[in-house]
């Protein structure tokens, strides 16, 4: 499964949630933060050590985008080298982390110790004909390739318009400025701890899926608890397209 967390600028990590996610996904952990003109990365197999380091660096650099990842291994060895995030094409200015199982072309060949995400970052994504992430067409091509997987990319490369990209963002959920790729952290949180964190918590009246979110919209089918309308008939105000995407991620727009 894995769990991937994205933090907007100015947002402090909820260490209890990250710790719970690490307990449910125990095969390695890592983080990345934009620290001025560079990206600071940390990885390790001991969750508490990596979490402490992440919290320390975040306190020093609270105004950059950040991500945290905990791994549940599916492909590749359980090693620090396979802990997310990874450099994209070896470029220290751009990193990515991923939640899910990538298409077969990213799976390691027999004897290859790398994970599917590491292979994608090192080899596949730099040469896939996807187009620019700054165009809707390019972003949609990558999201279609990912299928239901989620990915976060951080960059300080001036060739990109933004410093952060969350791919298939709608498949995750937001809680007070942090985006989580799934609810696996709930497995190790008590019901009291869980219900204290979200305005909307329980089973969707429309599709029956479990949701935990600050938003009234089901993260699976889009049903709105506030106006009781199924997707896409919700009448509650919400930004659309590029403007909504930029606001959600805390991106600066021209």
C-alpha atoms as a PDB file:
ATOM      1  CA  UNK A   1       0.000   0.000   0.000  1.00  0.00           C
ATOM      2  CA  UNK A   2       2.512   2.658   1.249  1.00  0.00           C
ATOM      3  CA  UNK A   3       1.376   6.092   2.371  1.00  0.00           C
ATOM      4  CA  UNK A   4       2.439   9.415   0.904  1.00  0.00           C
ATOM      5  CA  UNK A   5       1.908  12.771   2.622  1.00  0.00           C
ATOM      6  CA  UNK A   6       2.248  16.213   1.054  1.00  0.00           C
ATOM      7  CA  UNK A   7       2.486  19.396   3.152  1.00  0.00           C
ATOM      8  CA  UNK A   8       1.723  22.864   1.853  1.00  0.00           C
ATOM      9  CA  UNK A   9       4.024  25.761   2.830  1.00  0.00           C
ATOM     10  CA  UNK A  10       3.566  26.819   6.437  1.00  0.00           C
ATOM     11  CA  UNK A  11       1.980  23.519   7.493  1.00  0.00           C
ATOM     12  CA  UNK A  12       3.539  21.603  10.371  1.00  0.00           C
ATOM     13  CA  UNK A  13       3.505  17.799  10.120  1.00  0.00           C
ATOM     14  CA  UNK A  14       1.047  15.891  12.287  1.00  0.00           C
ATOM     15  CA  UNK A  15       3.633  13.551  13.753  1.00  0.00           C
ATOM     16  CA  UNK A  16       1.017  11.298  15.348  1.00  0.00           C
ATOM     17  CA  UNK A  17      -0.557  10.629  11.946  1.00  0.00           C
ATOM     18  CA  UNK A  18       2.821  10.185  10.240  1.00  0.00           C
ATOM     19  CA  UNK A  19       3.886   7.817  13.009  1.00  0.00           C
ATOM     20  CA  UNK A  20       0.661   5.830  12.608  1.00  0.00           C
ATOM     21  CA  UNK A  21       1.204   5.672   8.843  1.00  0.00           C
ATOM     22  CA  UNK A  22       4.766   4.469   9.412  1.00  0.00           C
ATOM     23  CA  UNK A  23       3.544   1.712  11.729  1.00  0.00           C
ATOM     24  CA  UNK A  24       1.103   0.506   9.050  1.00  0.00           C
ATOM     25  CA  UNK A  25       3.778   0.772   6.324  1.00  0.00           C
ATOM     26  CA  UNK A  26       6.987  -0.259   8.087  1.00  0.00           C
ATOM     27  CA  UNK A  27       9.459  -1.079   5.298  1.00  0.00           C
ATOM     28  CA  UNK A  28      11.297   2.243   5.076  1.00  0.00           C
ATOM     29  CA  UNK A  29      10.646   5.955   5.348  1.00  0.00           C
ATOM     30  CA  UNK A  30      11.769   9.176   3.732  1.00  0.00           C
ATOM     31  CA  UNK A  31      11.103  12.857   3.336  1.00  0.00           C
ATOM     32  CA  UNK A  32      11.914  15.808   1.091  1.00  0.00           C
ATOM     33  CA  UNK A  33      11.596  19.539   1.732  1.00  0.00           C
ATOM     34  CA  UNK A  34      12.239  22.538  -0.448  1.00  0.00           C
ATOM     35  CA  UNK A  35      14.865  24.479   1.482  1.00  0.00           C
ATOM     36  CA  UNK A  36      15.426  27.657  -0.462  1.00  0.00           C
ATOM     37  CA  UNK A  37      17.126  26.882  -3.761  1.00  0.00           C
ATOM     38  CA  UNK A  38      17.754  23.230  -2.890  1.00  0.00           C
ATOM     39  CA  UNK A  39      15.816  20.136  -1.805  1.00  0.00           C
ATOM     40  CA  UNK A  40      16.760  18.426   1.450  1.00  0.00           C
ATOM     41  CA  UNK A  41      16.182  14.666   1.481  1.00  0.00           C
ATOM     42  CA  UNK A  42      16.323  12.105   4.282  1.00  0.00           C
ATOM     43  CA  UNK A  43      15.694   8.352   4.232  1.00  0.00           C
ATOM     44  CA  UNK A  44      16.012   5.411   6.587  1.00  0.00           C
ATOM     45  CA  UNK A  45      14.549   2.159   7.859  1.00  0.00           C
ATOM     46  CA  UNK A  46      13.884   3.364  11.414  1.00  0.00           C
ATOM     47  CA  UNK A  47      10.672   5.386  11.445  1.00  0.00           C
ATOM     48  CA  UNK A  48      11.308   7.348  14.626  1.00  0.00           C
ATOM     49  CA  UNK A  49      14.756   8.462  13.505  1.00  0.00           C
ATOM     50  CA  UNK A  50      13.451   9.687  10.145  1.00  0.00           C
ATOM     51  CA  UNK A  51      10.414  11.377  11.703  1.00  0.00           C
ATOM     52  CA  UNK A  52      12.572  13.227  14.219  1.00  0.00           C
ATOM     53  CA  UNK A  53      14.911  14.388  11.482  1.00  0.00           C
ATOM     54  CA  UNK A  54      11.990  15.486   9.312  1.00  0.00           C
ATOM     55  CA  UNK A  55      10.411  17.479  12.143  1.00  0.00           C
ATOM     56  CA  UNK A  56      13.742  19.188  12.881  1.00  0.00           C
ATOM     57  CA  UNK A  57      14.354  20.204   9.268  1.00  0.00           C
ATOM     58  CA  UNK A  58      10.735  21.305   8.858  1.00  0.00           C
ATOM     59  CA  UNK A  59      11.042  23.596  11.872  1.00  0.00           C
ATOM     60  CA  UNK A  60      14.056  25.239  10.213  1.00  0.00           C
ATOM     61  CA  UNK A  61      12.333  25.535   6.810  1.00  0.00           C
ATOM     62  CA  UNK A  62       8.589  25.917   7.407  1.00  0.00           C
ATOM     63  CA  UNK A  63       7.802  27.809   4.196  1.00  0.00           C
ATOM     64  CA  UNK A  64       8.608  25.228   1.528  1.00  0.00           C
ATOM     65  CA  UNK A  65       6.581  22.374   0.135  1.00  0.00           C
ATOM     66  CA  UNK A  66       7.348  19.027   1.757  1.00  0.00           C
ATOM     67  CA  UNK A  67       6.552  15.326   1.527  1.00  0.00           C
ATOM     68  CA  UNK A  68       6.858  12.283   3.762  1.00  0.00           C
ATOM     69  CA  UNK A  69       6.614   8.655   2.642  1.00  0.00           C
ATOM     70  CA  UNK A  70       6.358   5.314   4.435  1.00  0.00           C
ATOM     71  CA  UNK A  71       6.810   2.162   2.384  1.00  0.00           C
ATOM     72  CA  UNK A  72       5.033  -1.181   2.280  1.00  0.00           C
ATOM     73  CA  UNK A  73       7.292  -3.155  -0.048  1.00  0.00           C
ATOM     74  CA  UNK A  74       5.858  -4.800  -3.173  1.00  0.00           C
ATOM     75  CA  UNK A  75       8.859  -4.808  -5.546  1.00  0.00           C
ATOM     76  CA  UNK A  76      12.533  -4.580  -4.731  1.00  0.00           C
ATOM     77  CA  UNK A  77      14.566  -5.112  -1.601  1.00  0.00           C
ATOM     78  CA  UNK A  78      13.682  -3.629   1.771  1.00  0.00           C
ATOM     79  CA  UNK A  79      16.632  -1.285   1.875  1.00  0.00           C
ATOM     80  CA  UNK A  80      17.456   2.387   2.350  1.00  0.00           C
ATOM     81  CA  UNK A  81      18.193   2.606  -1.378  1.00  0.00           C
ATOM     82  CA  UNK A  82      14.540   1.766  -2.097  1.00  0.00           C
ATOM     83  CA  UNK A  83      13.117   4.283   0.366  1.00  0.00           C
ATOM     84  CA  UNK A  84      11.311   7.188  -1.267  1.00  0.00           C
ATOM     85  CA  UNK A  85      11.861   9.885  -2.442  1.00  0.00           C
ATOM     86  CA  UNK A  86      14.018   9.406  -5.536  1.00  0.00           C
ATOM     87  CA  UNK A  87      15.863  11.793  -7.816  1.00  0.00           C
ATOM     88  CA  UNK A  88      14.219  12.082 -11.226  1.00  0.00           C
ATOM     89  CA  UNK A  89      16.790  11.167 -13.853  1.00  0.00           C
ATOM     90  CA  UNK A  90      19.604  11.726 -11.348  1.00  0.00           C
ATOM     91  CA  UNK A  91      18.815  15.451 -11.130  1.00  0.00           C
ATOM     92  CA  UNK A  92      19.165  16.708  -7.535  1.00  0.00           C
ATOM     93  CA  UNK A  93      16.730  19.529  -8.315  1.00  0.00           C
ATOM     94  CA  UNK A  94      13.709  17.214  -8.732  1.00  0.00           C
ATOM     95  CA  UNK A  95      12.467  14.337  -6.566  1.00  0.00           C
ATOM     96  CA  UNK A  96       9.382  12.143  -6.476  1.00  0.00           C
ATOM     97  CA  UNK A  97       7.592   9.760  -4.142  1.00  0.00           C
ATOM     98  CA  UNK A  98       4.775   7.398  -5.059  1.00  0.00           C
ATOM     99  CA  UNK A  99       1.920   5.369  -3.564  1.00  0.00           C
ATOM    100  CA  UNK A 100       0.683   2.308  -5.429  1.00  0.00           C
ATOM    101  CA  UNK A 101       1.981  -0.306  -7.857  1.00  0.00           C
ATOM    102  CA  UNK A 102       3.220   1.065 -11.168  1.00  0.00           C
ATOM    103  CA  UNK A 103       2.518  -0.533 -14.583  1.00  0.00           C
ATOM    104  CA  UNK A 104       4.513  -3.660 -15.546  1.00  0.00           C
ATOM    105  CA  UNK A 105       7.135  -1.759 -17.534  1.00  0.00           C
ATOM    106  CA  UNK A 106       8.385  -0.323 -14.216  1.00  0.00           C
ATOM    107  CA  UNK A 107       8.660  -3.692 -12.466  1.00  0.00           C
ATOM    108  CA  UNK A 108      12.218  -4.925 -11.782  1.00  0.00           C
ATOM    109  CA  UNK A 109      13.656  -7.757 -13.845  1.00  0.00           C
ATOM    110  CA  UNK A 110      14.826 -10.885 -12.007  1.00  0.00           C
ATOM    111  CA  UNK A 111      17.907 -10.013  -9.994  1.00  0.00           C
ATOM    112  CA  UNK A 112      17.236  -6.255 -10.043  1.00  0.00           C
ATOM    113  CA  UNK A 113      17.046  -5.107  -6.389  1.00  0.00           C
ATOM    114  CA  UNK A 114      15.302  -1.816  -7.222  1.00  0.00           C
ATOM    115  CA  UNK A 115      11.670  -0.977  -6.530  1.00  0.00           C
ATOM    116  CA  UNK A 116       9.224  -0.067  -9.293  1.00  0.00           C
ATOM    117  CA  UNK A 117       9.194   3.586  -8.207  1.00  0.00           C
ATOM    118  CA  UNK A 118      12.971   3.793  -8.193  1.00  0.00           C
ATOM    119  CA  UNK A 119      13.085   2.348 -11.731  1.00  0.00           C
ATOM    120  CA  UNK A 120      10.447   4.835 -12.870  1.00  0.00           C
ATOM    121  CA  UNK A 121      12.342   7.777 -11.380  1.00  0.00           C
ATOM    122  CA  UNK A 122      15.747   6.723 -12.652  1.00  0.00           C
ATOM    123  CA  UNK A 123      14.825   5.431 -16.111  1.00  0.00           C
ATOM    124  CA  UNK A 124      11.215   5.598 -17.263  1.00  0.00           C
ATOM    125  CA  UNK A 125       9.804   9.024 -16.458  1.00  0.00           C
ATOM    126  CA  UNK A 126      12.717  11.026 -17.937  1.00  0.00           C
ATOM    127  CA  UNK A 127      12.079   9.419 -21.339  1.00  0.00           C
ATOM    128  CA  UNK A 128       8.320   8.760 -21.418  1.00  0.00           C
ATOM    129  CA  UNK A 129       6.625  11.025 -24.018  1.00  0.00           C
ATOM    130  CA  UNK A 130       4.212  12.565 -21.529  1.00  0.00           C
ATOM    131  CA  UNK A 131       4.677  16.264 -22.174  1.00  0.00           C
ATOM    132  CA  UNK A 132       5.044  19.115 -19.690  1.00  0.00           C
ATOM    133  CA  UNK A 133       3.478  18.814 -16.243  1.00  0.00           C
ATOM    134  CA  UNK A 134       2.597  22.492 -16.612  1.00  0.00           C
ATOM    135  CA  UNK A 135       0.026  21.625 -19.247  1.00  0.00           C
ATOM    136  CA  UNK A 136      -3.208  19.819 -18.431  1.00  0.00           C
ATOM    137  CA  UNK A 137      -2.504  17.407 -21.291  1.00  0.00           C
ATOM    138  CA  UNK A 138       0.910  16.450 -19.907  1.00  0.00           C
ATOM    139  CA  UNK A 139      -0.390  16.063 -16.374  1.00  0.00           C
ATOM    140  CA  UNK A 140      -3.332  13.957 -17.527  1.00  0.00           C
ATOM    141  CA  UNK A 141      -1.051  11.688 -19.570  1.00  0.00           C
ATOM    142  CA  UNK A 142       1.045  10.988 -16.485  1.00  0.00           C
ATOM    143  CA  UNK A 143      -2.050  10.470 -14.335  1.00  0.00           C
ATOM    144  CA  UNK A 144      -3.457   8.021 -16.869  1.00  0.00           C
ATOM    145  CA  UNK A 145      -0.165   6.129 -16.842  1.00  0.00           C
ATOM    146  CA  UNK A 146      -0.309   6.042 -13.034  1.00  0.00           C
ATOM    147  CA  UNK A 147      -3.908   4.741 -13.173  1.00  0.00           C
ATOM    148  CA  UNK A 148      -5.170   4.938  -9.561  1.00  0.00           C
ATOM    149  CA  UNK A 149      -1.686   5.474  -8.114  1.00  0.00           C
ATOM    150  CA  UNK A 150      -0.663   8.746  -6.505  1.00  0.00           C
ATOM    151  CA  UNK A 151       2.620  10.642  -6.882  1.00  0.00           C
ATOM    152  CA  UNK A 152       4.172  13.837  -5.501  1.00  0.00           C
ATOM    153  CA  UNK A 153       6.962  15.652  -7.316  1.00  0.00           C
ATOM    154  CA  UNK A 154       8.987  18.473  -5.745  1.00  0.00           C
ATOM    155  CA  UNK A 155      11.379  20.564  -7.794  1.00  0.00           C
ATOM    156  CA  UNK A 156      13.577  23.650  -7.703  1.00  0.00           C
ATOM    157  CA  UNK A 157      14.317  23.363 -11.421  1.00  0.00           C
ATOM    158  CA  UNK A 158      13.319  26.702 -13.024  1.00  0.00           C
ATOM    159  CA  UNK A 159      12.130  24.798 -16.090  1.00  0.00           C
ATOM    160  CA  UNK A 160       8.992  23.938 -14.080  1.00  0.00           C
ATOM    161  CA  UNK A 161       6.287  26.521 -13.429  1.00  0.00           C
ATOM    162  CA  UNK A 162       5.616  25.268  -9.886  1.00  0.00           C
ATOM    163  CA  UNK A 163       7.734  23.698  -7.161  1.00  0.00           C
ATOM    164  CA  UNK A 164       5.192  21.006  -6.301  1.00  0.00           C
ATOM    165  CA  UNK A 165       2.913  18.652  -8.231  1.00  0.00           C
ATOM    166  CA  UNK A 166       0.449  16.151  -6.746  1.00  0.00           C
ATOM    167  CA  UNK A 167      -0.630  13.620  -9.356  1.00  0.00           C
ATOM    168  CA  UNK A 168      -4.076  12.036  -8.925  1.00  0.00           C
ATOM    169  CA  UNK A 169      -4.621  14.418  -6.031  1.00  0.00           C
ATOM    170  CA  UNK A 170      -8.375  13.703  -6.029  1.00  0.00           C
ATOM    171  CA  UNK A 171      -7.728  10.077  -5.017  1.00  0.00           C
ATOM    172  CA  UNK A 172      -6.270  11.249  -1.698  1.00  0.00           C
ATOM    173  CA  UNK A 173      -7.697  13.565   0.938  1.00  0.00           C
ATOM    174  CA  UNK A 174      -6.797  16.834   2.661  1.00  0.00           C
ATOM    175  CA  UNK A 175      -6.638  17.491   6.392  1.00  0.00           C
ATOM    176  CA  UNK A 176      -5.712  21.027   7.492  1.00  0.00           C
ATOM    177  CA  UNK A 177      -3.181  21.698   4.749  1.00  0.00           C
ATOM    178  CA  UNK A 178      -1.746  18.185   4.561  1.00  0.00           C
ATOM    179  CA  UNK A 179      -2.673  15.724   1.802  1.00  0.00           C
ATOM    180  CA  UNK A 180      -2.675  11.977   2.497  1.00  0.00           C
ATOM    181  CA  UNK A 181      -2.700   9.407  -0.295  1.00  0.00           C
ATOM    182  CA  UNK A 182      -4.859   6.936   1.668  1.00  0.00           C
ATOM    183  CA  UNK A 183      -6.290   6.133   5.100  1.00  0.00           C
ATOM    184  CA  UNK A 184      -3.862   3.371   6.098  1.00  0.00           C
ATOM    185  CA  UNK A 185      -2.732   5.415   9.119  1.00  0.00           C
ATOM    186  CA  UNK A 186      -6.175   4.798  10.649  1.00  0.00           C
ATOM    187  CA  UNK A 187      -5.152   1.183  11.242  1.00  0.00           C
ATOM    188  CA  UNK A 188      -2.953   2.238  14.159  1.00  0.00           C
ATOM    189  CA  UNK A 189      -4.873   5.291  15.434  1.00  0.00           C
ATOM    190  CA  UNK A 190      -7.487   4.784  18.123  1.00  0.00           C
ATOM    191  CA  UNK A 191     -11.114   5.682  17.232  1.00  0.00           C
ATOM    192  CA  UNK A 192     -10.915   8.662  19.601  1.00  0.00           C
ATOM    193  CA  UNK A 193      -7.735   9.946  17.942  1.00  0.00           C
ATOM    194  CA  UNK A 194      -9.222   9.433  14.487  1.00  0.00           C
ATOM    195  CA  UNK A 195     -12.558  11.157  15.055  1.00  0.00           C
ATOM    196  CA  UNK A 196     -10.878  14.164  16.669  1.00  0.00           C
ATOM    197  CA  UNK A 197      -9.066  15.041  13.439  1.00  0.00           C
ATOM    198  CA  UNK A 198     -11.808  15.319  10.806  1.00  0.00           C
ATOM    199  CA  UNK A 199     -15.110  17.057  10.287  1.00  0.00           C
ATOM    200  CA  UNK A 200     -16.413  14.166   8.160  1.00  0.00           C
ATOM    201  CA  UNK A 201     -15.680  10.644   9.345  1.00  0.00           C
ATOM    202  CA  UNK A 202     -17.618   7.464   8.578  1.00  0.00           C
ATOM    203  CA  UNK A 203     -19.238   5.667   5.658  1.00  0.00           C
ATOM    204  CA  UNK A 204     -20.460   7.550   2.587  1.00  0.00           C
ATOM    205  CA  UNK A 205     -24.246   7.547   2.232  1.00  0.00           C
ATOM    206  CA  UNK A 206     -23.951   7.228  -1.547  1.00  0.00           C
ATOM    207  CA  UNK A 207     -21.263   4.594  -2.224  1.00  0.00           C
ATOM    208  CA  UNK A 208     -20.679   3.080   1.217  1.00  0.00           C
ATOM    209  CA  UNK A 209     -16.903   3.663   1.178  1.00  0.00           C
ATOM    210  CA  UNK A 210     -15.162   4.757   4.373  1.00  0.00           C
ATOM    211  CA  UNK A 211     -14.064   8.412   4.398  1.00  0.00           C
ATOM    212  CA  UNK A 212     -12.143  10.608   6.819  1.00  0.00           C
ATOM    213  CA  UNK A 213     -11.827  14.147   5.563  1.00  0.00           C
ATOM    214  CA  UNK A 214     -12.098  17.853   6.296  1.00  0.00           C
ATOM    215  CA  UNK A 215     -14.109  18.168   3.066  1.00  0.00           C
ATOM    216  CA  UNK A 216     -17.827  17.335   2.813  1.00  0.00           C
ATOM    217  CA  UNK A 217     -17.210  15.449  -0.455  1.00  0.00           C
ATOM    218  CA  UNK A 218     -16.592  11.711  -0.476  1.00  0.00           C
ATOM    219  CA  UNK A 219     -13.057  11.086  -1.759  1.00  0.00           C
ATOM    220  CA  UNK A 220     -14.292   8.012  -3.663  1.00  0.00           C
ATOM    221  CA  UNK A 221     -17.505   9.021  -5.443  1.00  0.00           C
ATOM    222  CA  UNK A 222     -17.767  12.783  -4.818  1.00  0.00           C
ATOM    223  CA  UNK A 223     -21.094  12.668  -2.915  1.00  0.00           C
ATOM    224  CA  UNK A 224     -21.506  15.864  -0.890  1.00  0.00           C
ATOM    225  CA  UNK A 225     -22.654  15.550   2.723  1.00  0.00           C
ATOM    226  CA  UNK A 226     -23.612  19.235   2.875  1.00  0.00           C
ATOM    227  CA  UNK A 227     -25.992  19.502  -0.097  1.00  0.00           C
ATOM    228  CA  UNK A 228     -26.684  15.737  -0.445  1.00  0.00           C
ATOM    229  CA  UNK A 229     -25.939  15.833  -4.171  1.00  0.00           C
ATOM    230  CA  UNK A 230     -24.009  13.156  -6.061  1.00  0.00           C
ATOM    231  CA  UNK A 231     -21.020  14.060  -8.212  1.00  0.00           C
ATOM    232  CA  UNK A 232     -20.956  16.247 -10.300  1.00  0.00           C
ATOM    233  CA  UNK A 233     -24.176  17.964  -9.152  1.00  0.00           C
ATOM    234  CA  UNK A 234     -22.788  19.413  -5.918  1.00  0.00           C
ATOM    235  CA  UNK A 235     -23.921  23.037  -5.607  1.00  0.00           C
ATOM    236  CA  UNK A 236     -21.437  24.016  -2.894  1.00  0.00           C
ATOM    237  CA  UNK A 237     -18.857  26.580  -4.078  1.00  0.00           C
ATOM    238  CA  UNK A 238     -15.523  25.169  -5.196  1.00  0.00           C
ATOM    239  CA  UNK A 239     -12.758  26.338  -7.490  1.00  0.00           C
ATOM    240  CA  UNK A 240     -12.175  24.338 -10.645  1.00  0.00           C
ATOM    241  CA  UNK A 241      -9.271  23.416 -12.849  1.00  0.00           C
ATOM    242  CA  UNK A 242      -5.905  25.130 -12.577  1.00  0.00           C
ATOM    243  CA  UNK A 243      -7.079  27.666  -9.995  1.00  0.00           C
ATOM    244  CA  UNK A 244      -8.367  24.959  -7.636  1.00  0.00           C
ATOM    245  CA  UNK A 245      -5.207  22.877  -8.121  1.00  0.00           C
ATOM    246  CA  UNK A 246      -2.944  25.838  -7.341  1.00  0.00           C
ATOM    247  CA  UNK A 247      -4.933  26.784  -4.243  1.00  0.00           C
ATOM    248  CA  UNK A 248      -4.985  23.244  -2.870  1.00  0.00           C
ATOM    249  CA  UNK A 249      -1.228  22.872  -3.185  1.00  0.00           C
ATOM    250  CA  UNK A 250      -0.425  26.353  -1.924  1.00  0.00           C
ATOM    251  CA  UNK A 251       1.192  27.312  -5.224  1.00  0.00           C
ATOM    252  CA  UNK A 252       1.959  30.864  -6.245  1.00  0.00           C
ATOM    253  CA  UNK A 253       0.160  31.868  -9.430  1.00  0.00           C
ATOM    254  CA  UNK A 254       1.055  34.706 -11.772  1.00  0.00           C
END
